PDB file of N, CA and C in Angstrom:
ATOM      1  N   UNK A   1       0.779  -0.854  -0.295  1.00  0.00           N
ATOM      2  CA  UNK A   1       0.164  -0.089   0.001  1.00  0.00           C
ATOM      3  C   UNK A   1       0.799   1.141   0.016  1.00  0.00           C
ATOM      4  N   UNK A   2       0.413   2.442  -0.727  1.00  0.00           N
ATOM      5  CA  UNK A   2       1.369   3.547  -0.833  1.00  0.00           C
ATOM      6  C   UNK A   2       1.005   4.628   0.446  1.00  0.00           C
ATOM      7  N   UNK A   3       2.029   5.095   0.823  1.00  0.00           N
ATOM      8  CA  UNK A   3       1.728   6.195   1.905  1.00  0.00           C
ATOM      9  C   UNK A   3       0.891   6.988   1.469  1.00  0.00           C
ATOM     10  N   UNK A   4      -0.042   7.577   2.435  1.00  0.00           N
ATOM     11  CA  UNK A   4      -1.059   8.643   1.966  1.00  0.00           C
ATOM     12  C   UNK A   4      -0.359   9.726   1.435  1.00  0.00           C
ATOM     13  N   UNK A   5       0.846  10.415   1.702  1.00  0.00           N
ATOM     14  CA  UNK A   5       1.567  11.580   1.483  1.00  0.00           C
ATOM     15  C   UNK A   5       1.727  11.065  -0.097  1.00  0.00           C
ATOM     16  N   UNK A   6       2.336   9.948  -0.318  1.00  0.00           N
ATOM     17  CA  UNK A   6       2.629   9.946  -1.706  1.00  0.00           C
ATOM     18  C   UNK A   6       1.452   9.919  -2.633  1.00  0.00           C
ATOM     19  N   UNK A   7       0.423   9.233  -2.256  1.00  0.00           N
ATOM     20  CA  UNK A   7      -0.915   9.227  -3.035  1.00  0.00           C
ATOM     21  C   UNK A   7      -1.407  10.751  -3.270  1.00  0.00           C
ATOM     22  N   UNK A   8      -1.286  11.232  -2.139  1.00  0.00           N
ATOM     23  CA  UNK A   8      -1.893  12.767  -2.310  1.00  0.00           C
ATOM     24  C   UNK A   8      -0.899  13.502  -3.295  1.00  0.00           C
ATOM     25  N   UNK A   9       0.446  13.504  -3.604  1.00  0.00           N
ATOM     26  CA  UNK A   9       1.375  14.074  -4.537  1.00  0.00           C
ATOM     27  C   UNK A   9       0.913  13.384  -6.017  1.00  0.00           C
ATOM     28  N   UNK A  10       0.681  12.264  -5.907  1.00  0.00           N
ATOM     29  CA  UNK A  10       0.373  11.714  -7.212  1.00  0.00           C
ATOM     30  C   UNK A  10      -0.928  12.163  -7.570  1.00  0.00           C
ATOM     31  N   UNK A  11      -1.845  12.403  -6.876  1.00  0.00           N
ATOM     32  CA  UNK A  11      -3.167  13.086  -7.446  1.00  0.00           C
ATOM     33  C   UNK A  11      -3.104  14.439  -7.672  1.00  0.00           C
ATOM     34  N   UNK A  12      -2.295  14.992  -7.147  1.00  0.00           N
ATOM     35  CA  UNK A  12      -2.069  16.441  -7.430  1.00  0.00           C
ATOM     36  C   UNK A  12      -1.588  16.826  -8.548  1.00  0.00           C
ATOM     37  N   UNK A  13      -0.508  15.701  -8.995  1.00  0.00           N
ATOM     38  CA  UNK A  13       0.192  15.825 -10.233  1.00  0.00           C
ATOM     39  C   UNK A  13      -0.709  15.576 -11.190  1.00  0.00           C
ATOM     40  N   UNK A  14      -1.346  14.451 -11.172  1.00  0.00           N
ATOM     41  CA  UNK A  14      -2.340  14.141 -12.344  1.00  0.00           C
ATOM     42  C   UNK A  14      -3.102  15.299 -12.566  1.00  0.00           C
ATOM     43  N   UNK A  15      -3.626  15.945 -11.434  1.00  0.00           N
ATOM     44  CA  UNK A  15      -4.791  17.146 -11.623  1.00  0.00           C
ATOM     45  C   UNK A  15      -4.041  18.047 -12.334  1.00  0.00           C
ATOM     46  N   UNK A  16      -2.896  18.517 -12.275  1.00  0.00           N
ATOM     47  CA  UNK A  16      -2.181  19.497 -12.780  1.00  0.00           C
ATOM     48  C   UNK A  16      -1.720  19.080 -14.321  1.00  0.00           C
ATOM     49  N   UNK A  17      -1.268  17.722 -14.322  1.00  0.00           N
ATOM     50  CA  UNK A  17      -0.999  17.493 -15.466  1.00  0.00           C
ATOM     51  C   UNK A  17      -1.731  15.993 -16.341  1.00  0.00           C
ATOM     52  N   UNK A  18      -3.118  16.595 -16.697  1.00  0.00           N
ATOM     53  CA  UNK A  18      -3.893  15.639 -17.130  1.00  0.00           C
ATOM     54  C   UNK A  18      -3.508  15.006 -18.511  1.00  0.00           C
ATOM     55  N   UNK A  19      -3.783  13.775 -18.690  1.00  0.00           N
ATOM     56  CA  UNK A  19      -3.236  12.994 -20.144  1.00  0.00           C
ATOM     57  C   UNK A  19      -4.294  12.429 -20.625  1.00  0.00           C
ATOM     58  N   UNK A  20      -4.272  12.935 -21.968  1.00  0.00           N
ATOM     59  CA  UNK A  20      -5.414  12.062 -22.734  1.00  0.00           C
ATOM     60  C   UNK A  20      -4.831  11.341 -23.992  1.00  0.00           C
ATOM     61  N   UNK A  21      -5.220  10.234 -23.631  1.00  0.00           N
ATOM     62  CA  UNK A  21      -4.847   9.204 -24.926  1.00  0.00           C
ATOM     63  C   UNK A  21      -4.882   9.789 -26.045  1.00  0.00           C
ATOM     64  N   UNK A  22      -6.220   9.960 -26.442  1.00  0.00           N
ATOM     65  CA  UNK A  22      -6.490  10.213 -27.837  1.00  0.00           C
ATOM     66  C   UNK A  22      -5.661  11.665 -28.233  1.00  0.00           C
ATOM     67  N   UNK A  23      -5.303  12.763 -27.290  1.00  0.00           N
ATOM     68  CA  UNK A  23      -4.437  13.768 -27.785  1.00  0.00           C
ATOM     69  C   UNK A  23      -3.151  13.339 -27.902  1.00  0.00           C
ATOM     70  N   UNK A  24      -2.542  12.495 -27.233  1.00  0.00           N
ATOM     71  CA  UNK A  24      -1.464  12.058 -27.272  1.00  0.00           C
ATOM     72  C   UNK A  24      -1.220  11.340 -28.632  1.00  0.00           C
ATOM     73  N   UNK A  25      -1.742  10.301 -28.953  1.00  0.00           N
ATOM     74  CA  UNK A  25      -1.708   9.496 -30.158  1.00  0.00           C
ATOM     75  C   UNK A  25      -2.211  10.348 -31.425  1.00  0.00           C
ATOM     76  N   UNK A  26      -3.142  11.282 -31.535  1.00  0.00           N
ATOM     77  CA  UNK A  26      -3.776  11.792 -32.787  1.00  0.00           C
ATOM     78  C   UNK A  26      -2.840  11.919 -33.647  1.00  0.00           C
ATOM     79  N   UNK A  27      -2.126  13.222 -33.445  1.00  0.00           N
ATOM     80  CA  UNK A  27      -0.705  13.462 -34.501  1.00  0.00           C
ATOM     81  C   UNK A  27      -0.237  12.025 -34.922  1.00  0.00           C
ATOM     82  N   UNK A  28       0.304  11.085 -34.210  1.00  0.00           N
ATOM     83  CA  UNK A  28       0.762  10.171 -34.798  1.00  0.00           C
ATOM     84  C   UNK A  28       0.181   9.488 -35.994  1.00  0.00           C
ATOM     85  N   UNK A  29      -1.247   8.998 -35.528  1.00  0.00           N
ATOM     86  CA  UNK A  29      -2.185   8.603 -36.365  1.00  0.00           C
ATOM     87  C   UNK A  29      -2.295   9.175 -37.353  1.00  0.00           C
ATOM     88  N   UNK A  30      -2.481  10.577 -37.489  1.00  0.00           N
ATOM     89  CA  UNK A  30      -2.815  11.515 -38.637  1.00  0.00           C
ATOM     90  C   UNK A  30      -1.370  11.048 -39.584  1.00  0.00           C
ATOM     91  N   UNK A  31      -0.285  11.308 -38.884  1.00  0.00           N
ATOM     92  CA  UNK A  31       0.902  10.813 -39.895  1.00  0.00           C
ATOM     93  C   UNK A  31       1.097   9.866 -40.554  1.00  0.00           C
ATOM     94  N   UNK A  32       0.655   8.875 -39.671  1.00  0.00           N
ATOM     95  CA  UNK A  32       0.693   7.478 -40.397  1.00  0.00           C
ATOM     96  C   UNK A  32      -0.274   7.262 -41.778  1.00  0.00           C
ATOM     97  N   UNK A  33      -1.459   7.786 -41.477  1.00  0.00           N
ATOM     98  CA  UNK A  33      -2.197   7.901 -42.678  1.00  0.00           C
ATOM     99  C   UNK A  33      -2.089   8.783 -43.940  1.00  0.00           C
ATOM    100  N   UNK A  34      -1.233  10.161 -43.401  1.00  0.00           N
ATOM    101  CA  UNK A  34      -0.770  11.055 -44.552  1.00  0.00           C
ATOM    102  C   UNK A  34       0.310   9.936 -45.244  1.00  0.00           C
ATOM    103  N   UNK A  35       0.817   8.937 -44.824  1.00  0.00           N
ATOM    104  CA  UNK A  35       2.046   8.425 -45.639  1.00  0.00           C
ATOM    105  C   UNK A  35       1.312   6.944 -46.152  1.00  0.00           C
ATOM    106  N   UNK A  36      -0.047   7.062 -46.000  1.00  0.00           N
ATOM    107  CA  UNK A  36      -0.867   5.909 -46.636  1.00  0.00           C
ATOM    108  C   UNK A  36      -0.974   4.428 -46.099  1.00  0.00           C
ATOM    109  N   UNK A  37      -0.589   4.641 -44.701  1.00  0.00           N
ATOM    110  CA  UNK A  37      -1.130   3.570 -43.879  1.00  0.00           C
ATOM    111  C   UNK A  37      -2.473   3.688 -43.517  1.00  0.00           C
ATOM    112  N   UNK A  38      -3.446   2.883 -44.494  1.00  0.00           N
ATOM    113  CA  UNK A  38      -4.795   2.978 -44.017  1.00  0.00           C
ATOM    114  C   UNK A  38      -5.228   1.918 -43.361  1.00  0.00           C
ATOM    115  N   UNK A  39      -4.262   1.285 -42.440  1.00  0.00           N
ATOM    116  CA  UNK A  39      -4.650   0.186 -41.607  1.00  0.00           C
ATOM    117  C   UNK A  39      -4.858   0.984 -40.269  1.00  0.00           C
ATOM    118  N   UNK A  40      -4.504   1.979 -40.022  1.00  0.00           N
ATOM    119  CA  UNK A  40      -4.761   2.954 -38.685  1.00  0.00           C
ATOM    120  C   UNK A  40      -5.738   3.651 -39.021  1.00  0.00           C
ATOM    121  N   UNK A  41      -6.869   3.511 -38.178  1.00  0.00           N
ATOM    122  CA  UNK A  41      -8.049   4.046 -38.111  1.00  0.00           C
ATOM    123  C   UNK A  41      -7.916   5.411 -37.289  1.00  0.00           C
ATOM    124  N   UNK A  42      -8.514   6.315 -38.112  1.00  0.00           N
ATOM    125  CA  UNK A  42      -8.837   7.842 -37.255  1.00  0.00           C
ATOM    126  C   UNK A  42      -9.562   7.662 -35.702  1.00  0.00           C
ATOM    127  N   UNK A  43      -8.951   8.343 -34.619  1.00  0.00           N
ATOM    128  CA  UNK A  43      -9.469   8.077 -33.550  1.00  0.00           C
ATOM    129  C   UNK A  43     -10.765   8.923 -33.305  1.00  0.00           C
ATOM    130  N   UNK A  44     -11.915   8.197 -33.102  1.00  0.00           N
ATOM    131  CA  UNK A  44     -13.243   8.945 -33.068  1.00  0.00           C
ATOM    132  C   UNK A  44     -13.473   9.374 -31.367  1.00  0.00           C
ATOM    133  N   UNK A  45     -14.110  10.389 -31.370  1.00  0.00           N
ATOM    134  CA  UNK A  45     -14.368  11.022 -30.056  1.00  0.00           C
ATOM    135  C   UNK A  45     -15.270  10.424 -29.123  1.00  0.00           C
ATOM    136  N   UNK A  46     -14.951  10.088 -28.281  1.00  0.00           N
ATOM    137  CA  UNK A  46     -16.123   9.582 -27.051  1.00  0.00           C
ATOM    138  C   UNK A  46     -17.307  10.037 -27.090  1.00  0.00           C
ATOM    139  N   UNK A  47     -18.280   9.107 -27.292  1.00  0.00           N
ATOM    140  CA  UNK A  47     -19.566   9.608 -27.007  1.00  0.00           C
ATOM    141  C   UNK A  47     -19.930   9.928 -25.463  1.00  0.00           C
ATOM    142  N   UNK A  48     -19.196   8.978 -24.567  1.00  0.00           N
ATOM    143  CA  UNK A  48     -19.302   9.200 -23.348  1.00  0.00           C
ATOM    144  C   UNK A  48     -18.380   9.114 -22.235  1.00  0.00           C
ATOM    145  N   UNK A  49     -18.240   9.626 -21.240  1.00  0.00           N
ATOM    146  CA  UNK A  49     -16.715   9.177 -20.432  1.00  0.00           C
ATOM    147  C   UNK A  49     -16.985   7.674 -20.194  1.00  0.00           C
ATOM    148  N   UNK A  50     -15.834   7.117 -19.875  1.00  0.00           N
ATOM    149  CA  UNK A  50     -16.034   5.658 -19.907  1.00  0.00           C
ATOM    150  C   UNK A  50     -16.338   5.270 -18.210  1.00  0.00           C
ATOM    151  N   UNK A  51     -17.108   4.251 -18.094  1.00  0.00           N
ATOM    152  CA  UNK A  51     -17.533   3.838 -17.069  1.00  0.00           C
ATOM    153  C   UNK A  51     -16.516   3.179 -16.115  1.00  0.00           C
ATOM    154  N   UNK A  52     -16.510   3.313 -15.015  1.00  0.00           N
ATOM    155  CA  UNK A  52     -15.838   2.432 -14.070  1.00  0.00           C
ATOM    156  C   UNK A  52     -15.713   1.160 -14.234  1.00  0.00           C
ATOM    157  N   UNK A  53     -14.791   0.513 -14.148  1.00  0.00           N
ATOM    158  CA  UNK A  53     -14.652  -1.256 -14.174  1.00  0.00           C
ATOM    159  C   UNK A  53     -15.555  -1.478 -12.930  1.00  0.00           C
ATOM    160  N   UNK A  54     -16.876  -2.221 -13.330  1.00  0.00           N
ATOM    161  CA  UNK A  54     -17.406  -3.043 -12.541  1.00  0.00           C
ATOM    162  C   UNK A  54     -18.315  -3.846 -13.113  1.00  0.00           C
ATOM    163  N   UNK A  55     -19.014  -4.751 -12.165  1.00  0.00           N
ATOM    164  CA  UNK A  55     -19.635  -5.735 -12.709  1.00  0.00           C
ATOM    165  C   UNK A  55     -20.793  -5.847 -11.874  1.00  0.00           C
ATOM    166  N   UNK A  56     -22.220  -6.311 -12.953  1.00  0.00           N
ATOM    167  CA  UNK A  56     -23.433  -6.415 -11.883  1.00  0.00           C
ATOM    168  C   UNK A  56     -22.983  -7.411 -10.923  1.00  0.00           C
ATOM    169  N   UNK A  57     -23.404  -7.541  -9.665  1.00  0.00           N
ATOM    170  CA  UNK A  57     -23.416  -8.129  -8.347  1.00  0.00           C
ATOM    171  C   UNK A  57     -25.020  -8.488  -8.008  1.00  0.00           C
ATOM    172  N   UNK A  58     -25.264  -9.709  -8.062  1.00  0.00           N
ATOM    173  CA  UNK A  58     -26.544 -10.363  -7.549  1.00  0.00           C
ATOM    174  C   UNK A  58     -26.259 -11.346  -6.723  1.00  0.00           C
ATOM    175  N   UNK A  59     -27.286 -11.628  -5.786  1.00  0.00           N
ATOM    176  CA  UNK A  59     -27.067 -12.848  -4.972  1.00  0.00           C
ATOM    177  C   UNK A  59     -26.986 -14.179  -5.302  1.00  0.00           C
ATOM    178  N   UNK A  60     -26.353 -15.018  -5.310  1.00  0.00           N
ATOM    179  CA  UNK A  60     -26.545 -16.378  -5.851  1.00  0.00           C
ATOM    180  C   UNK A  60     -27.544 -16.962  -5.793  1.00  0.00           C
ATOM    181  N   UNK A  61     -28.443 -17.549  -6.789  1.00  0.00           N
ATOM    182  CA  UNK A  61     -29.659 -18.459  -6.185  1.00  0.00           C
ATOM    183  C   UNK A  61     -29.738 -19.972  -6.448  1.00  0.00           C
ATOM    184  N   UNK A  62     -28.165 -20.382  -7.066  1.00  0.00           N
ATOM    185  CA  UNK A  62     -28.355 -21.713  -7.307  1.00  0.00           C
ATOM    186  C   UNK A  62     -26.949 -21.819  -6.372  1.00  0.00           C
ATOM    187  N   UNK A  63     -26.605 -23.104  -5.852  1.00  0.00           N
ATOM    188  CA  UNK A  63     -25.600 -23.526  -5.221  1.00  0.00           C
ATOM    189  C   UNK A  63     -24.890 -24.374  -6.624  1.00  0.00           C
ATOM    190  N   UNK A  64     -23.302 -24.746  -6.194  1.00  0.00           N
ATOM    191  CA  UNK A  64     -22.518 -25.227  -7.217  1.00  0.00           C
ATOM    192  C   UNK A  64     -23.033 -26.850  -7.567  1.00  0.00           C
ATOM    193  N   UNK A  65     -23.575 -27.084  -6.509  1.00  0.00           N
ATOM    194  CA  UNK A  65     -24.293 -28.644  -6.739  1.00  0.00           C
ATOM    195  C   UNK A  65     -25.886 -28.597  -7.525  1.00  0.00           C
ATOM    196  N   UNK A  66     -26.450 -27.315  -7.465  1.00  0.00           N
ATOM    197  CA  UNK A  66     -27.604 -27.157  -8.160  1.00  0.00           C
ATOM    198  C   UNK A  66     -27.100 -27.134  -9.497  1.00  0.00           C
ATOM    199  N   UNK A  67     -25.968 -26.348  -9.876  1.00  0.00           N
ATOM    200  CA  UNK A  67     -25.734 -25.950 -11.214  1.00  0.00           C
ATOM    201  C   UNK A  67     -25.102 -27.264 -11.865  1.00  0.00           C
ATOM    202  N   UNK A  68     -24.492 -28.161 -11.342  1.00  0.00           N
ATOM    203  CA  UNK A  68     -24.032 -29.562 -11.642  1.00  0.00           C
ATOM    204  C   UNK A  68     -25.041 -30.257 -11.955  1.00  0.00           C
ATOM    205  N   UNK A  69     -26.139 -30.350 -11.205  1.00  0.00           N
ATOM    206  CA  UNK A  69     -27.085 -31.355 -11.263  1.00  0.00           C
ATOM    207  C   UNK A  69     -28.334 -30.880 -12.562  1.00  0.00           C
ATOM    208  N   UNK A  70     -28.264 -29.485 -12.584  1.00  0.00           N
ATOM    209  CA  UNK A  70     -29.155 -28.945 -13.821  1.00  0.00           C
ATOM    210  C   UNK A  70     -28.320 -28.873 -15.058  1.00  0.00           C
ATOM    211  N   UNK A  71     -26.984 -28.859 -15.371  1.00  0.00           N
ATOM    212  CA  UNK A  71     -26.163 -29.026 -16.501  1.00  0.00           C
ATOM    213  C   UNK A  71     -26.225 -30.388 -16.637  1.00  0.00           C
ATOM    214  N   UNK A  72     -26.301 -31.511 -15.649  1.00  0.00           N
ATOM    215  CA  UNK A  72     -26.055 -33.123 -16.204  1.00  0.00           C
ATOM    216  C   UNK A  72     -27.437 -33.443 -17.004  1.00  0.00           C
ATOM    217  N   UNK A  73     -28.564 -32.704 -16.539  1.00  0.00           N
ATOM    218  CA  UNK A  73     -29.712 -32.926 -17.176  1.00  0.00           C
ATOM    219  C   UNK A  73     -29.926 -32.452 -18.673  1.00  0.00           C
ATOM    220  N   UNK A  74     -29.173 -31.022 -18.756  1.00  0.00           N
ATOM    221  CA  UNK A  74     -29.463 -30.309 -20.116  1.00  0.00           C
ATOM    222  C   UNK A  74     -28.476 -30.511 -20.936  1.00  0.00           C
ATOM    223  N   UNK A  75     -27.156 -30.801 -20.559  1.00  0.00           N
ATOM    224  CA  UNK A  75     -26.054 -30.742 -21.042  1.00  0.00           C
ATOM    225  C   UNK A  75     -25.001 -32.159 -21.060  1.00  0.00           C
ATOM    226  N   UNK A  76     -25.635 -33.078 -21.771  1.00  0.00           N
ATOM    227  CA  UNK A  76     -24.790 -34.420 -21.419  1.00  0.00           C
ATOM    228  C   UNK A  76     -23.334 -34.077 -21.612  1.00  0.00           C
ATOM    229  N   UNK A  77     -22.191 -34.607 -20.959  1.00  0.00           N
ATOM    230  CA  UNK A  77     -20.991 -34.429 -21.296  1.00  0.00           C
ATOM    231  C   UNK A  77     -20.108 -33.202 -21.140  1.00  0.00           C
ATOM    232  N   UNK A  78     -20.807 -32.514 -20.070  1.00  0.00           N
ATOM    233  CA  UNK A  78     -20.285 -30.979 -19.636  1.00  0.00           C
ATOM    234  C   UNK A  78     -18.999 -31.308 -18.889  1.00  0.00           C
ATOM    235  N   UNK A  79     -18.103 -29.968 -18.336  1.00  0.00           N
ATOM    236  CA  UNK A  79     -17.340 -30.305 -17.424  1.00  0.00           C
ATOM    237  C   UNK A  79     -17.351 -28.793 -16.549  1.00  0.00           C
ATOM    238  N   UNK A  80     -17.511 -28.966 -15.237  1.00  0.00           N
ATOM    239  CA  UNK A  80     -17.674 -28.055 -14.563  1.00  0.00           C
ATOM    240  C   UNK A  80     -16.525 -27.829 -13.504  1.00  0.00           C
ATOM    241  N   UNK A  81     -16.097 -26.363 -13.533  1.00  0.00           N
ATOM    242  CA  UNK A  81     -14.940 -26.257 -12.940  1.00  0.00           C
ATOM    243  C   UNK A  81     -15.125 -25.055 -11.977  1.00  0.00           C
ATOM    244  N   UNK A  82     -14.536 -25.378 -10.775  1.00  0.00           N
ATOM    245  CA  UNK A  82     -14.677 -24.062  -9.862  1.00  0.00           C
ATOM    246  C   UNK A  82     -13.804 -22.841 -10.083  1.00  0.00           C
ATOM    247  N   UNK A  83     -14.554 -21.708 -10.119  1.00  0.00           N
ATOM    248  CA  UNK A  83     -13.179 -20.599 -10.390  1.00  0.00           C
ATOM    249  C   UNK A  83     -12.942 -19.792  -9.034  1.00  0.00           C
ATOM    250  N   UNK A  84     -12.530 -18.671  -9.241  1.00  0.00           N
ATOM    251  CA  UNK A  84     -12.083 -17.715  -8.267  1.00  0.00           C
ATOM    252  C   UNK A  84     -13.151 -17.444  -7.214  1.00  0.00           C
ATOM    253  N   UNK A  85     -13.426 -17.198  -6.132  1.00  0.00           N
ATOM    254  CA  UNK A  85     -14.545 -16.556  -5.316  1.00  0.00           C
ATOM    255  C   UNK A  85     -15.905 -17.609  -5.757  1.00  0.00           C
ATOM    256  N   UNK A  86     -16.842 -16.912  -6.190  1.00  0.00           N
ATOM    257  CA  UNK A  86     -18.204 -17.701  -6.670  1.00  0.00           C
ATOM    258  C   UNK A  86     -18.185 -18.006  -7.970  1.00  0.00           C
ATOM    259  N   UNK A  87     -17.191 -17.945  -8.578  1.00  0.00           N
ATOM    260  CA  UNK A  87     -17.300 -18.189 -10.276  1.00  0.00           C
ATOM    261  C   UNK A  87     -16.918 -19.733 -10.567  1.00  0.00           C
ATOM    262  N   UNK A  88     -17.507 -19.850 -11.658  1.00  0.00           N
ATOM    263  CA  UNK A  88     -17.461 -21.444 -12.383  1.00  0.00           C
ATOM    264  C   UNK A  88     -17.201 -21.221 -13.742  1.00  0.00           C
ATOM    265  N   UNK A  89     -16.553 -22.194 -14.186  1.00  0.00           N
ATOM    266  CA  UNK A  89     -16.584 -22.460 -15.768  1.00  0.00           C
ATOM    267  C   UNK A  89     -17.231 -23.704 -16.149  1.00  0.00           C
ATOM    268  N   UNK A  90     -18.167 -23.592 -17.066  1.00  0.00           N
ATOM    269  CA  UNK A  90     -18.830 -24.736 -17.449  1.00  0.00           C
ATOM    270  C   UNK A  90     -18.524 -24.949 -18.855  1.00  0.00           C
ATOM    271  N   UNK A  91     -18.051 -25.846 -19.313  1.00  0.00           N
ATOM    272  CA  UNK A  91     -17.612 -26.252 -20.781  1.00  0.00           C
ATOM    273  C   UNK A  91     -18.704 -27.476 -21.369  1.00  0.00           C
ATOM    274  N   UNK A  92     -18.445 -27.685 -22.638  1.00  0.00           N
ATOM    275  CA  UNK A  92     -19.216 -28.422 -23.444  1.00  0.00           C
ATOM    276  C   UNK A  92     -18.117 -28.606 -24.690  1.00  0.00           C
ATOM    277  N   UNK A  93     -18.069 -29.882 -24.762  1.00  0.00           N
ATOM    278  CA  UNK A  93     -17.296 -30.081 -26.218  1.00  0.00           C
ATOM    279  C   UNK A  93     -18.171 -31.005 -26.847  1.00  0.00           C
ATOM    280  N   UNK A  94     -18.719 -30.472 -28.038  1.00  0.00           N
ATOM    281  CA  UNK A  94     -19.720 -31.520 -28.913  1.00  0.00           C
ATOM    282  C   UNK A  94     -19.025 -32.865 -29.081  1.00  0.00           C
ATOM    283  N   UNK A  95     -19.306 -33.839 -29.347  1.00  0.00           N
ATOM    284  CA  UNK A  95     -19.075 -34.988 -29.788  1.00  0.00           C
ATOM    285  C   UNK A  95     -18.578 -34.808 -31.428  1.00  0.00           C
ATOM    286  N   UNK A  96     -17.656 -35.458 -31.927  1.00  0.00           N
ATOM    287  CA  UNK A  96     -17.493 -35.812 -33.504  1.00  0.00           C
ATOM    288  C   UNK A  96     -18.948 -36.241 -33.965  1.00  0.00           C
ATOM    289  N   UNK A  97     -19.124 -35.834 -35.093  1.00  0.00           N
ATOM    290  CA  UNK A  97     -20.490 -36.495 -35.587  1.00  0.00           C
ATOM    291  C   UNK A  97     -19.954 -37.592 -36.821  1.00  0.00           C
TER     292      UNK A  97
END
């Protein structure tokens, strides 16, 4: 964890010297396009500010055993693996025809 004084200084620096990805790379993109590189697309202005990274959270309504039982009835040959925290990975590979 960073000391509070360091965090304060970093926040103060970022507020005084805001950095915008599009402003920084836009001249480079234009130069590439001037030289005939059409694989580089021109940056588009953002329609809205980006949302903070988050995922919807709802209470679990099935246990892992319930998921295993239901998948066993609906998806023969599935594979269920427990993930980090309450996540799981359910995979199915179709048999060859």
